[in-house]
Amino acid sequence: MQPLAKSIPSGVRLLAPAALAAAAVVGLVAALQPLAAIGIAAALIFAYFVFSDLAAGFAVLAFLGYLDTLPTSGALSLDKAAGLLLAVAWLAKFTTGANRRDFFSDYPLLTWALIAFFGWSVLSLVWAPQGGPALESLSRYAPNILLFPIAYTAVRTRRDLMIVLGALVFGAVLAASFGVLAPPEAGVIEEGSRATGTVGDPNELAAFLLAGLAVAAGFALGRAHSLPVRVGAAAAVPLCAAGIFLSLSRGGLIALGVMFLAAMFLAGRWRLAVTGLLLAVVVGGVFYFTQLAPLPARERITMAQGGSGRSDLWTVGLRMVKANPITGVGVGNFKAESAQYTLQPGTIERADLIFSSEPKVTHNTYLEITAELGLPGLLLFLAIIGSSLGCALKAARTWERRGDASMDALARGVLLGLVGMLAADFFISDMYTKLLWVMLALGPAMLALARSERRAPNGV
């Protein structure tokens, strides 16, 4: 009979010494740089989650999309580091053949749209005036595009989908809570005094909370979920709405209206419930802005005033499109080239937004993509969006035909959350945001999950 120590695999025998060595290193760093030690410990925990459960890692990435105000290390933010580690874990799983799904063969048209969009962006380096911003932009597009096959591998079961969507709602609740705890100042409403939550920007906060509100509503409507989950999700809906109101984002409020109008056509069996939710949110918004909001907040919502310079930025963007309708000015080069399109016939009231140490973006995702990549870039981007929305809708209808009301509600929540974010993106430049690409990547993953289930579950 072999001794017990010899029967244990060598990898397991080395686990304890490795853990002790890692703990010693973290302890030494903690004595010198406490914040760095916290970051290392968090990275080790996240690495464990990612390599042991890809869905949990993807859920953490979705949650981190709401935490843009966390400190970064140079150009490496927390969500970028998490995305890089997640990509390594996915590549390891994909190359070892542990995954039976193949995104590239199951969705060839979407795959080619993603490849063509990134390839056209790379090709624009040929005519981009400045290579630095272009390379930075490509470094942000690449990991976001990779989220599609990662999500397709990670979200394989209902449990995986619940973890990801639950993390998304939890992130929205956290962001909204910080926004409610730090409301706009009563005396004056400026960019720095509007609620930003944990996102760091009031307009982005509103866009992100739209996704959290819709997904939370999907959880609340699903009878198969436990009572605590449904109650918590129901409480998240007004909290997200309050965060949107306190952000004082005109674009966010318009997008909220667009999302509810879309729900009239896309909510399926939930049309009546969505109508009631719409009335409750509208009544709450009207009550806040007429009875509770300070006067500057009311004036900001009711008086457009050129969108705080947004109309001037749109004018510059349209000039770029008119001058370069096919090629654009090159990926990532809008800010670098905006000054060249300012000194033209026509009134620009807020030239300070362009002639400054940090020129502004267009505050319109679709216009900025068109200005940088031309009409081909915009059409490819819209093809990616349309394919993802179509997949989410097909997944919802598949579960609806099977009588699975809970999964139907969740799929429609993702669909409507995407509609809300995409509507809000008409007023912000959000094409690099992780949360947007996470939501887009969930469409094909949900459709594959719906198709893989051969029979309806017991609970509805």
Protein backbone atom coordinates (compact mmCIF):
# COMPACT_ATOMS: atom_id res chain seq x y z
CA MET A 1 0.00 0.00 0.00
CA GLN A 2 1.43 3.39 -1.07
CA PRO A 3 1.84 6.15 1.48
CA LEU A 4 -0.91 8.73 1.37
CA ALA A 5 1.47 11.53 0.40
CA LYS A 6 2.64 9.61 -2.67
CA SER A 7 -0.91 8.91 -3.83
CA ILE A 8 -1.75 12.61 -4.01
CA PRO A 9 -1.04 14.19 -7.42
CA SER A 10 1.99 16.43 -7.50
CA GLY A 11 -0.11 19.44 -8.58
CA VAL A 12 -2.29 19.09 -5.50
CA ARG A 13 0.74 18.66 -3.22
CA LEU A 14 2.14 21.92 -4.57
CA LEU A 15 -1.10 23.81 -4.05
CA ALA A 16 -0.60 24.55 -0.35
CA PRO A 17 3.02 25.76 -0.69
CA ALA A 18 2.01 27.92 -3.67
CA ALA A 19 -0.86 29.44 -1.68
CA LEU A 20 1.48 30.17 1.23
CA ALA A 21 4.02 31.76 -1.12
CA ALA A 22 1.33 33.91 -2.71
CA ALA A 23 0.06 34.94 0.72
CA ALA A 24 3.59 35.91 1.75
CA VAL A 25 4.04 38.04 -1.37
CA VAL A 26 0.68 39.76 -0.88
CA GLY A 27 1.53 40.36 2.78
CA LEU A 28 4.86 41.95 1.84
CA VAL A 29 3.20 44.18 -0.74
CA ALA A 30 0.50 45.11 1.78
CA ALA A 31 3.15 46.44 4.13
CA LEU A 32 4.50 48.72 1.38
CA GLN A 33 1.47 49.49 -0.79
CA PRO A 34 -1.89 48.55 0.79
CA LEU A 35 -3.94 49.52 -2.28
CA ALA A 36 -1.70 47.47 -4.55
CA ALA A 37 -2.07 44.49 -2.23
CA ILE A 38 -5.85 44.79 -2.38
CA GLY A 39 -5.63 44.84 -6.16
CA ILE A 40 -3.39 41.75 -6.24
CA ALA A 41 -5.68 39.86 -3.87
CA ALA A 42 -8.71 40.78 -5.96
CA ALA A 43 -6.89 39.71 -9.12
CA LEU A 44 -6.03 36.32 -7.59
CA ILE A 45 -9.62 35.76 -6.50
CA PHE A 46 -10.91 36.78 -9.92
CA ALA A 47 -8.38 34.51 -11.64
CA TYR A 48 -9.64 31.60 -9.55
CA PHE A 49 -13.24 32.36 -10.53
CA VAL A 50 -12.39 32.74 -14.21
CA PHE A 51 -10.41 29.55 -14.64
CA SER A 52 -12.79 27.48 -12.53
CA ASP A 53 -16.04 28.93 -13.88
CA LEU A 54 -16.00 31.00 -17.06
CA ALA A 55 -19.61 32.12 -16.53
CA ALA A 56 -18.71 33.55 -13.10
CA GLY A 57 -15.82 35.42 -14.67
CA PHE A 58 -18.09 36.83 -17.35
CA ALA A 59 -20.55 37.87 -14.63
CA VAL A 60 -17.82 39.73 -12.76
CA LEU A 61 -16.91 41.55 -15.98
CA ALA A 62 -20.57 42.59 -16.41
CA PHE A 63 -20.60 43.85 -12.82
CA LEU A 64 -17.36 45.80 -13.29
CA GLY A 65 -18.99 47.67 -16.16
CA TYR A 66 -20.75 49.74 -13.49
CA LEU A 67 -17.56 50.61 -11.60
CA ASP A 68 -15.70 53.01 -13.89
CA THR A 69 -14.76 55.25 -10.97
CA LEU A 70 -12.45 52.66 -9.43
CA PRO A 71 -8.74 53.60 -9.51
CA THR A 72 -6.65 52.38 -12.43
CA SER A 73 -3.00 51.56 -12.96
CA GLY A 74 -1.87 53.66 -15.90
CA ALA A 75 -3.80 52.66 -19.00
CA LEU A 76 -4.91 49.36 -17.43
CA SER A 77 -8.31 49.76 -15.80
CA LEU A 78 -9.91 47.08 -13.68
CA ASP A 79 -12.38 46.02 -16.36
CA LYS A 80 -9.61 45.87 -18.98
CA ALA A 81 -7.51 43.63 -16.74
CA ALA A 82 -10.55 41.45 -16.04
CA GLY A 83 -11.34 41.27 -19.76
CA LEU A 84 -7.78 40.25 -20.59
CA LEU A 85 -7.79 37.50 -18.00
CA LEU A 86 -11.21 36.33 -19.17
CA ALA A 87 -9.93 36.17 -22.76
CA VAL A 88 -6.97 34.04 -21.67
CA ALA A 89 -9.26 31.66 -19.78
CA TRP A 90 -11.61 31.39 -22.77
CA LEU A 91 -8.74 30.76 -25.17
CA ALA A 92 -7.41 28.00 -22.91
CA LYS A 93 -10.83 26.35 -22.76
CA PHE A 94 -11.47 26.77 -26.48
CA THR A 95 -8.13 25.37 -27.61
CA THR A 96 -8.36 22.33 -25.33
CA GLY A 97 -11.68 21.34 -26.89
CA ALA A 98 -13.53 21.50 -23.57
CA ASN A 99 -16.27 23.53 -25.22
CA ARG A 100 -18.63 21.89 -27.70
CA ARG A 101 -20.06 25.16 -28.98
CA ASP A 102 -18.44 26.96 -31.87
CA PHE A 103 -19.63 30.54 -32.25
CA PHE A 104 -17.81 30.95 -35.55
CA SER A 105 -19.66 28.09 -37.24
CA ASP A 106 -23.04 28.63 -35.54
CA TYR A 107 -23.24 32.33 -36.42
CA PRO A 108 -21.17 32.81 -39.60
CA LEU A 109 -22.85 36.04 -40.74
CA LEU A 110 -22.43 37.71 -37.36
CA THR A 111 -18.86 36.44 -37.18
CA TRP A 112 -18.04 37.97 -40.56
CA ALA A 113 -19.71 41.24 -39.54
CA LEU A 114 -17.51 41.40 -36.43
CA ILE A 115 -14.39 40.52 -38.42
CA ALA A 116 -15.26 43.02 -41.16
CA PHE A 117 -15.92 45.80 -38.64
CA PHE A 118 -12.58 45.28 -36.92
CA GLY A 119 -10.80 44.73 -40.24
CA TRP A 120 -12.19 47.99 -41.66
CA SER A 121 -11.06 49.74 -38.49
CA VAL A 122 -7.55 48.33 -38.93
CA LEU A 123 -7.53 49.33 -42.61
CA SER A 124 -8.37 52.91 -41.62
CA LEU A 125 -4.86 53.15 -40.14
CA VAL A 126 -3.74 53.74 -43.72
CA TRP A 127 -5.47 57.14 -43.90
CA ALA A 128 -5.78 58.00 -40.20
CA PRO A 129 -3.79 61.24 -39.60
CA GLN A 130 -2.67 60.16 -36.12
CA GLY A 131 -1.66 56.59 -35.39
CA GLY A 132 -1.62 56.86 -31.59
CA PRO A 133 -5.36 57.44 -31.07
CA ALA A 134 -6.12 54.89 -33.79
CA LEU A 135 -4.11 52.14 -32.09
CA GLU A 136 -5.69 52.98 -28.74
CA SER A 137 -9.13 52.70 -30.30
CA LEU A 138 -8.28 49.32 -31.85
CA SER A 139 -7.00 48.09 -28.49
CA ARG A 140 -10.45 48.84 -27.06
CA TYR A 141 -12.48 47.37 -29.92
CA ALA A 142 -10.59 44.06 -30.02
CA PRO A 143 -11.44 42.76 -26.50
CA ASN A 144 -15.02 43.96 -26.85
CA ILE A 145 -15.53 42.03 -30.08
CA LEU A 146 -14.00 38.98 -28.44
CA LEU A 147 -16.79 39.06 -25.84
CA PHE A 148 -19.14 37.45 -28.39
CA PRO A 149 -17.38 34.06 -28.54
CA ILE A 150 -16.52 34.30 -24.84
CA ALA A 151 -20.17 34.76 -23.87
CA TYR A 152 -21.14 31.95 -26.24
CA THR A 153 -18.76 29.62 -24.43
CA ALA A 154 -19.49 30.87 -20.91
CA VAL A 155 -23.31 31.01 -20.94
CA ARG A 156 -24.29 27.39 -21.58
CA THR A 157 -26.95 26.75 -18.94
CA ARG A 158 -29.74 28.61 -17.19
CA ARG A 159 -27.60 28.85 -14.13
CA ASP A 160 -24.88 30.60 -16.17
CA LEU A 161 -27.35 33.11 -17.56
CA MET A 162 -28.83 33.79 -14.11
CA ILE A 163 -25.37 34.49 -12.69
CA VAL A 164 -24.49 36.95 -15.44
CA LEU A 165 -27.82 38.79 -15.37
CA GLY A 166 -27.87 38.78 -11.56
CA ALA A 167 -24.43 40.41 -11.51
CA LEU A 168 -25.64 42.98 -14.01
CA VAL A 169 -28.63 43.91 -11.85
CA PHE A 170 -26.47 44.02 -8.72
CA GLY A 171 -24.09 46.42 -10.47
CA ALA A 172 -27.01 48.62 -11.48
CA VAL A 173 -28.34 48.64 -7.91
CA LEU A 174 -24.92 49.65 -6.59
CA ALA A 175 -24.52 52.42 -9.16
CA ALA A 176 -28.05 53.72 -8.57
CA SER A 177 -27.61 53.62 -4.79
CA PHE A 178 -24.52 55.81 -4.96
CA GLY A 179 -26.42 58.18 -7.25
CA VAL A 180 -29.30 58.43 -4.79
CA LEU A 181 -26.95 58.93 -1.83
CA ALA A 182 -25.17 61.77 -3.68
CA PRO A 183 -28.03 63.67 -5.38
CA PRO A 184 -27.52 66.90 -7.37
CA GLU A 185 -26.90 70.05 -5.35
CA ALA A 186 -30.00 72.15 -4.80
CA GLY A 187 -28.43 75.50 -5.69
CA VAL A 188 -26.93 74.94 -9.12
CA ILE A 189 -26.91 72.07 -11.60
CA GLU A 190 -23.63 71.65 -13.44
CA GLU A 191 -21.86 68.67 -14.96
CA GLY A 192 -19.95 68.05 -11.75
CA SER A 193 -22.97 68.25 -9.46
CA ARG A 194 -25.24 65.77 -11.26
CA ALA A 195 -25.57 62.23 -9.94
CA THR A 196 -22.92 59.96 -11.45
CA GLY A 197 -23.15 56.90 -9.19
CA THR A 198 -20.20 54.55 -9.57
CA VAL A 199 -20.04 55.13 -13.33
CA GLY A 200 -18.43 58.57 -13.22
CA ASP A 201 -20.56 60.25 -15.88
CA PRO A 202 -24.24 61.21 -15.46
CA ASN A 203 -25.22 60.42 -19.05
CA GLU A 204 -23.52 57.03 -18.98
CA LEU A 205 -25.08 56.33 -15.58
CA ALA A 206 -28.54 56.84 -17.08
CA ALA A 207 -27.73 54.59 -20.05
CA PHE A 208 -26.36 51.82 -17.84
CA LEU A 209 -29.29 51.99 -15.44
CA LEU A 210 -31.69 51.48 -18.34
CA ALA A 211 -30.17 48.05 -18.85
CA GLY A 212 -30.35 47.26 -15.13
CA LEU A 213 -33.97 48.42 -14.92
CA ALA A 214 -35.10 46.23 -17.83
CA VAL A 215 -33.27 43.10 -16.66
CA ALA A 216 -34.51 43.61 -13.09
CA ALA A 217 -38.07 43.81 -14.44
CA GLY A 218 -37.44 40.51 -16.22
CA PHE A 219 -36.45 38.86 -12.94
CA ALA A 220 -39.43 40.37 -11.11
CA LEU A 221 -41.92 39.04 -13.65
CA GLY A 222 -40.57 35.46 -13.64
CA ARG A 223 -42.66 33.25 -11.36
CA ALA A 224 -40.09 30.47 -11.37
CA HIS A 225 -37.63 32.60 -9.43
CA SER A 226 -37.62 32.53 -5.65
CA LEU A 227 -39.61 35.13 -3.74
CA PRO A 228 -36.51 36.97 -2.40
CA VAL A 229 -35.12 37.25 -5.94
CA ARG A 230 -38.38 38.63 -7.30
CA VAL A 231 -38.82 41.08 -4.43
CA GLY A 232 -35.22 42.28 -4.71
CA ALA A 233 -35.55 42.68 -8.47
CA ALA A 234 -38.84 44.57 -8.05
CA ALA A 235 -37.13 46.95 -5.61
CA ALA A 236 -34.29 47.49 -8.09
CA VAL A 237 -36.68 48.87 -10.73
CA PRO A 238 -37.68 52.11 -8.91
CA LEU A 239 -34.13 52.48 -7.60
CA CYS A 240 -32.75 52.44 -11.16
CA ALA A 241 -35.47 54.86 -12.24
CA ALA A 242 -34.52 57.21 -9.39
CA GLY A 243 -30.89 57.06 -10.49
CA ILE A 244 -31.90 57.99 -14.03
CA PHE A 245 -33.95 60.96 -12.77
CA LEU A 246 -31.15 62.20 -10.51
CA SER A 247 -28.60 61.99 -13.33
CA LEU A 248 -30.61 64.77 -15.02
CA SER A 249 -29.72 63.20 -18.34
CA ARG A 250 -32.07 64.42 -21.05
CA GLY A 251 -30.82 61.66 -23.33
CA GLY A 252 -31.43 59.09 -20.61
CA LEU A 253 -35.01 60.25 -20.12
CA ILE A 254 -35.66 60.16 -23.88
CA ALA A 255 -34.15 56.68 -24.06
CA LEU A 256 -36.36 55.58 -21.17
CA GLY A 257 -39.38 56.67 -23.17
CA VAL A 258 -38.08 54.86 -26.26
CA MET A 259 -37.55 51.70 -24.25
CA PHE A 260 -41.09 51.69 -22.93
CA LEU A 261 -42.53 52.44 -26.38
CA ALA A 262 -40.55 49.50 -27.76
CA ALA A 263 -41.96 47.37 -24.95
CA MET A 264 -45.44 47.92 -26.34
CA PHE A 265 -44.36 45.86 -29.35
CA LEU A 266 -41.67 43.57 -27.92
CA ALA A 267 -42.96 42.67 -24.43
CA GLY A 268 -45.15 39.78 -25.64
CA ARG A 269 -47.38 38.49 -22.86
CA TRP A 270 -45.95 41.14 -20.55
CA ARG A 271 -47.49 44.13 -22.37
CA LEU A 272 -50.03 44.79 -19.61
CA ALA A 273 -47.42 44.55 -16.86
CA VAL A 274 -45.05 46.82 -18.79
CA THR A 275 -47.84 49.34 -19.30
CA GLY A 276 -48.40 49.47 -15.53
CA LEU A 277 -44.68 49.83 -14.96
CA LEU A 278 -44.57 52.63 -17.53
CA LEU A 279 -47.34 54.52 -15.78
CA ALA A 280 -45.63 54.12 -12.40
CA VAL A 281 -42.29 55.40 -13.72
CA VAL A 282 -43.90 58.30 -15.58
CA VAL A 283 -45.90 59.32 -12.51
CA GLY A 284 -42.78 59.10 -10.35
CA GLY A 285 -40.78 61.18 -12.81
CA VAL A 286 -43.46 63.85 -13.13
CA PHE A 287 -43.82 64.03 -9.35
CA TYR A 288 -40.06 64.39 -8.84
CA PHE A 289 -39.50 67.09 -11.46
CA THR A 290 -42.59 69.09 -10.49
CA GLN A 291 -42.54 68.75 -6.70
CA LEU A 292 -39.11 67.67 -5.44
CA ALA A 293 -36.42 68.66 -7.93
CA PRO A 294 -34.67 72.02 -7.42
CA LEU A 295 -35.37 74.74 -9.98
CA PRO A 296 -32.04 74.37 -11.85
CA ALA A 297 -32.78 70.67 -12.32
CA ARG A 298 -36.23 71.41 -13.74
CA GLU A 299 -34.78 74.01 -16.09
CA ARG A 300 -32.11 71.62 -17.32
CA ILE A 301 -34.72 69.02 -18.25
CA THR A 302 -37.22 71.44 -19.82
CA MET A 303 -34.73 73.77 -21.57
CA ALA A 304 -32.45 72.11 -24.12
CA GLN A 305 -30.09 75.07 -24.74
CA GLY A 306 -28.28 73.27 -27.55
CA GLY A 307 -27.61 70.21 -25.46
CA SER A 308 -24.72 71.88 -23.57
CA GLY A 309 -22.74 72.15 -26.80
CA ARG A 310 -23.79 68.75 -28.15
CA SER A 311 -25.37 70.31 -31.26
CA ASP A 312 -22.05 71.96 -32.16
CA LEU A 313 -20.22 68.65 -31.82
CA TRP A 314 -22.83 67.03 -34.04
CA THR A 315 -22.30 69.77 -36.62
CA VAL A 316 -18.57 69.03 -36.69
CA GLY A 317 -19.25 65.30 -36.95
CA LEU A 318 -21.65 65.80 -39.86
CA ARG A 319 -19.03 67.90 -41.63
CA MET A 320 -16.58 65.03 -41.29
CA VAL A 321 -19.10 62.61 -42.73
CA LYS A 322 -19.86 64.92 -45.64
CA ALA A 323 -16.16 65.32 -46.45
CA ASN A 324 -15.27 61.62 -45.95
CA PRO A 325 -18.47 59.58 -46.46
CA ILE A 326 -16.72 56.29 -47.28
CA THR A 327 -13.41 56.25 -45.45
CA GLY A 328 -14.06 58.56 -42.52
CA VAL A 329 -11.14 60.31 -40.83
CA GLY A 330 -9.77 57.08 -39.37
CA VAL A 331 -10.57 55.07 -36.29
CA GLY A 332 -10.12 57.00 -33.05
CA ASN A 333 -9.32 60.26 -34.86
CA PHE A 334 -12.45 62.33 -34.28
CA LYS A 335 -10.96 64.40 -31.47
CA ALA A 336 -7.65 64.77 -33.28
CA GLU A 337 -9.32 66.04 -36.47
CA SER A 338 -12.30 67.97 -35.09
CA ALA A 339 -10.48 71.32 -35.15
CA GLN A 340 -9.98 70.98 -38.92
CA TYR A 341 -13.75 70.95 -39.43
CA THR A 342 -14.60 73.80 -37.07
CA LEU A 343 -13.30 76.72 -39.15
CA GLN A 344 -15.91 76.41 -41.87
CA PRO A 345 -18.98 78.47 -42.81
CA GLY A 346 -21.64 78.06 -40.15
CA THR A 347 -22.00 79.04 -36.52
CA ILE A 348 -20.18 77.07 -33.81
CA GLU A 349 -21.08 78.53 -30.43
CA ARG A 350 -19.03 76.18 -28.24
CA ALA A 351 -15.66 76.08 -30.01
CA ASP A 352 -14.10 75.70 -26.55
CA LEU A 353 -15.25 72.08 -26.58
CA ILE A 354 -12.89 71.44 -29.48
CA PHE A 355 -10.04 73.93 -29.01
CA SER A 356 -8.96 72.72 -25.59
CA SER A 357 -6.37 70.48 -24.01
CA GLU A 358 -8.92 67.66 -24.09
CA PRO A 359 -11.31 67.98 -27.07
CA LYS A 360 -14.75 66.44 -26.63
CA VAL A 361 -16.15 63.44 -28.47
CA THR A 362 -19.30 63.75 -30.58
CA HIS A 363 -21.71 62.62 -27.85
CA ASN A 364 -23.36 60.38 -30.45
CA THR A 365 -22.09 56.82 -30.85
CA TYR A 366 -23.43 56.36 -34.37
CA LEU A 367 -22.24 59.73 -35.66
CA GLU A 368 -18.77 59.23 -34.22
CA ILE A 369 -18.43 55.79 -35.82
CA THR A 370 -19.59 57.23 -39.15
CA ALA A 371 -17.20 60.19 -38.87
CA GLU A 372 -14.27 57.88 -38.12
CA LEU A 373 -15.07 54.82 -40.26
CA GLY A 374 -17.46 56.18 -42.87
CA LEU A 375 -20.75 54.62 -43.93
CA PRO A 376 -19.23 51.10 -44.25
CA GLY A 377 -18.21 51.20 -40.59
CA LEU A 378 -21.66 52.38 -39.51
CA LEU A 379 -23.44 49.70 -41.57
CA LEU A 380 -21.25 46.95 -40.11
CA PHE A 381 -21.84 48.24 -36.58
CA LEU A 382 -25.60 48.33 -37.19
CA ALA A 383 -25.42 44.80 -38.59
CA ILE A 384 -23.84 43.61 -35.33
CA ILE A 385 -26.53 45.39 -33.32
CA GLY A 386 -29.36 44.07 -35.49
CA SER A 387 -28.08 40.51 -35.29
CA SER A 388 -27.81 40.62 -31.50
CA LEU A 389 -31.28 42.13 -31.10
CA GLY A 390 -32.70 39.51 -33.46
CA CYS A 391 -31.09 36.70 -31.48
CA ALA A 392 -32.52 38.01 -28.19
CA LEU A 393 -36.00 38.28 -29.70
CA LYS A 394 -35.79 34.76 -31.17
CA ALA A 395 -34.69 33.40 -27.79
CA ALA A 396 -37.67 35.07 -26.10
CA ARG A 397 -40.09 33.67 -28.66
CA THR A 398 -38.57 30.20 -28.37
CA TRP A 399 -39.13 30.16 -24.62
CA GLU A 400 -42.59 31.67 -25.11
CA ARG A 401 -43.61 28.81 -27.41
CA ARG A 402 -42.47 26.33 -24.79
CA GLY A 403 -44.51 28.02 -22.09
CA ASP A 404 -41.44 29.09 -20.12
CA ALA A 405 -42.61 32.50 -18.95
CA SER A 406 -39.66 33.16 -16.64
CA MET A 407 -36.98 32.73 -19.29
CA ASP A 408 -39.16 34.59 -21.77
CA ALA A 409 -39.31 37.56 -19.39
CA LEU A 410 -35.53 37.53 -18.87
CA ALA A 411 -34.80 37.41 -22.60
CA ARG A 412 -37.18 40.29 -23.23
CA GLY A 413 -35.57 42.18 -20.36
CA VAL A 414 -32.18 41.87 -22.05
CA LEU A 415 -33.74 42.86 -25.37
CA LEU A 416 -35.41 45.98 -23.97
CA GLY A 417 -32.34 46.88 -21.93
CA LEU A 418 -30.35 46.83 -25.15
CA VAL A 419 -32.96 49.01 -26.86
CA GLY A 420 -32.71 51.52 -24.03
CA MET A 421 -28.91 51.62 -24.09
CA LEU A 422 -28.82 51.95 -27.88
CA ALA A 423 -31.31 54.82 -27.73
CA ALA A 424 -29.22 56.55 -25.06
CA ASP A 425 -26.14 56.08 -27.26
CA PHE A 426 -27.66 58.59 -29.66
CA PHE A 427 -26.64 61.21 -27.07
CA ILE A 428 -23.30 59.80 -25.85
CA SER A 429 -20.22 58.24 -27.44
CA ASP A 430 -20.33 54.80 -25.89
CA MET A 431 -18.95 52.44 -28.53
CA TYR A 432 -16.10 51.20 -26.31
CA THR A 433 -18.16 50.54 -23.18
CA LYS A 434 -17.84 46.98 -21.88
CA LEU A 435 -21.44 46.84 -20.66
CA LEU A 436 -22.82 47.57 -24.14
CA TRP A 437 -20.79 44.76 -25.70
CA VAL A 438 -21.68 42.39 -22.84
CA MET A 439 -25.36 43.01 -23.54
CA LEU A 440 -24.85 42.56 -27.29
CA ALA A 441 -22.93 39.32 -26.76
CA LEU A 442 -25.74 37.88 -24.63
CA GLY A 443 -28.11 37.79 -27.62
CA PRO A 444 -26.50 34.86 -29.50
CA ALA A 445 -25.70 33.09 -26.22
CA MET A 446 -29.34 33.21 -25.09
CA LEU A 447 -30.59 31.96 -28.46
CA ALA A 448 -28.21 28.99 -28.35
CA LEU A 449 -29.36 28.22 -24.81
CA ALA A 450 -33.03 28.39 -25.79
CA ARG A 451 -32.46 26.09 -28.77
CA SER A 452 -30.44 23.61 -26.73
CA GLU A 453 -33.28 22.96 -24.27
CA ARG A 454 -35.32 20.17 -25.78
CA ARG A 455 -38.25 20.35 -23.39
CA ALA A 456 -39.91 23.02 -21.33
CA PRO A 457 -38.98 23.23 -17.65
CA ASN A 458 -41.49 22.49 -14.95
CA GLY A 459 -41.72 26.01 -13.53
CA VAL A 460 -43.11 28.99 -15.34
